[in-house]
Each structure stands twice: as C-alpha cells, then as structure tokens.
C-alpha cells in the first residue's frame, strides 16, 4: 500500500490528482501502468501526474 486517505474529498479529478501528486512528491516515479476503475476523473488525474503511464 502506497497511501490511504480518509475524508470527504470525493472522486473528482482535483481530489484524485492531489493524491497522485502526493505520491509523486514522496518519490513514486517511472509509473508504467495504473489499474483502477473507469472513472474519467481518475484517467484525467493519471494523465496529468504521470503522462506516460498506461491506464487500464
């Protein structure tokens, strides 16, 4: 597990992007593949934080 967040931030691109940015800032780099549900906000956040990662 890389991180866990509790709260009422929702599932929007801004919230998810914040989580991914925090992981990147803590040293997670060279992400090749991210597996998640099909929420558009998650896809947008992944493309913003790790533009070369494949989202499945």
Protein backbone atom coordinates (compact mmCIF):
# COMPACT_ATOMS: atom_id res chain seq x y z
CA UNK A 1 0.00 0.00 0.00
CA UNK A 2 1.39 3.36 -1.01
CA UNK A 3 -1.10 5.60 0.74
CA UNK A 4 -4.50 5.87 2.32
CA UNK A 5 -6.70 8.94 2.55
CA UNK A 6 -9.89 9.31 4.52
CA UNK A 7 -12.33 12.15 4.20
CA UNK A 8 -15.00 13.69 2.07
CA UNK A 9 -12.84 14.81 -0.87
CA UNK A 10 -14.95 12.89 -3.35
CA UNK A 11 -13.79 11.23 -6.54
CA UNK A 12 -13.18 14.28 -8.71
CA UNK A 13 -10.07 14.89 -10.81
CA UNK A 14 -8.82 17.55 -8.38
CA UNK A 15 -9.01 15.21 -5.38
CA UNK A 16 -7.54 12.19 -7.16
CA UNK A 17 -4.87 14.40 -8.73
CA UNK A 18 -3.91 15.59 -5.26
CA UNK A 19 -3.48 12.01 -4.07
CA UNK A 20 -1.34 11.09 -7.07
CA UNK A 21 0.71 14.26 -6.82
CA UNK A 22 1.41 13.50 -3.17
CA UNK A 23 2.64 10.02 -4.13
CA UNK A 24 4.85 11.51 -6.86
CA UNK A 25 6.26 14.06 -4.41
CA UNK A 26 7.03 11.26 -1.96
CA UNK A 27 9.18 9.53 -4.60
CA UNK A 28 6.89 7.39 -6.74
CA UNK A 29 8.22 7.88 -10.25
CA UNK A 30 8.54 5.95 -13.51
CA UNK A 31 4.96 4.69 -13.26
CA UNK A 32 4.29 2.45 -16.26
CA UNK A 33 0.77 1.18 -15.58
CA UNK A 34 -2.08 2.16 -13.29
CA UNK A 35 -5.08 -0.12 -12.81
CA UNK A 36 -8.26 1.41 -11.44
CA UNK A 37 -11.97 1.74 -12.01
CA UNK A 38 -13.18 3.53 -15.12
CA UNK A 39 -13.86 6.94 -13.61
CA UNK A 40 -12.98 9.72 -16.06
CA UNK A 41 -11.55 11.81 -13.22
CA UNK A 42 -9.01 9.09 -12.41
CA UNK A 43 -7.91 8.87 -16.05
CA UNK A 44 -7.52 12.65 -16.23
CA UNK A 45 -5.50 12.76 -13.00
CA UNK A 46 -3.17 9.96 -14.12
CA UNK A 47 -2.53 11.71 -17.44
CA UNK A 48 -1.72 14.91 -15.58
CA UNK A 49 0.66 13.43 -12.98
CA UNK A 50 2.26 10.57 -14.97
CA UNK A 51 1.59 11.36 -18.66
CA UNK A 52 3.47 8.28 -19.96
CA UNK A 53 1.64 5.78 -17.74
CA UNK A 54 -0.88 3.41 -19.28
CA UNK A 55 -4.25 3.41 -17.51
CA UNK A 56 -6.15 0.13 -17.53
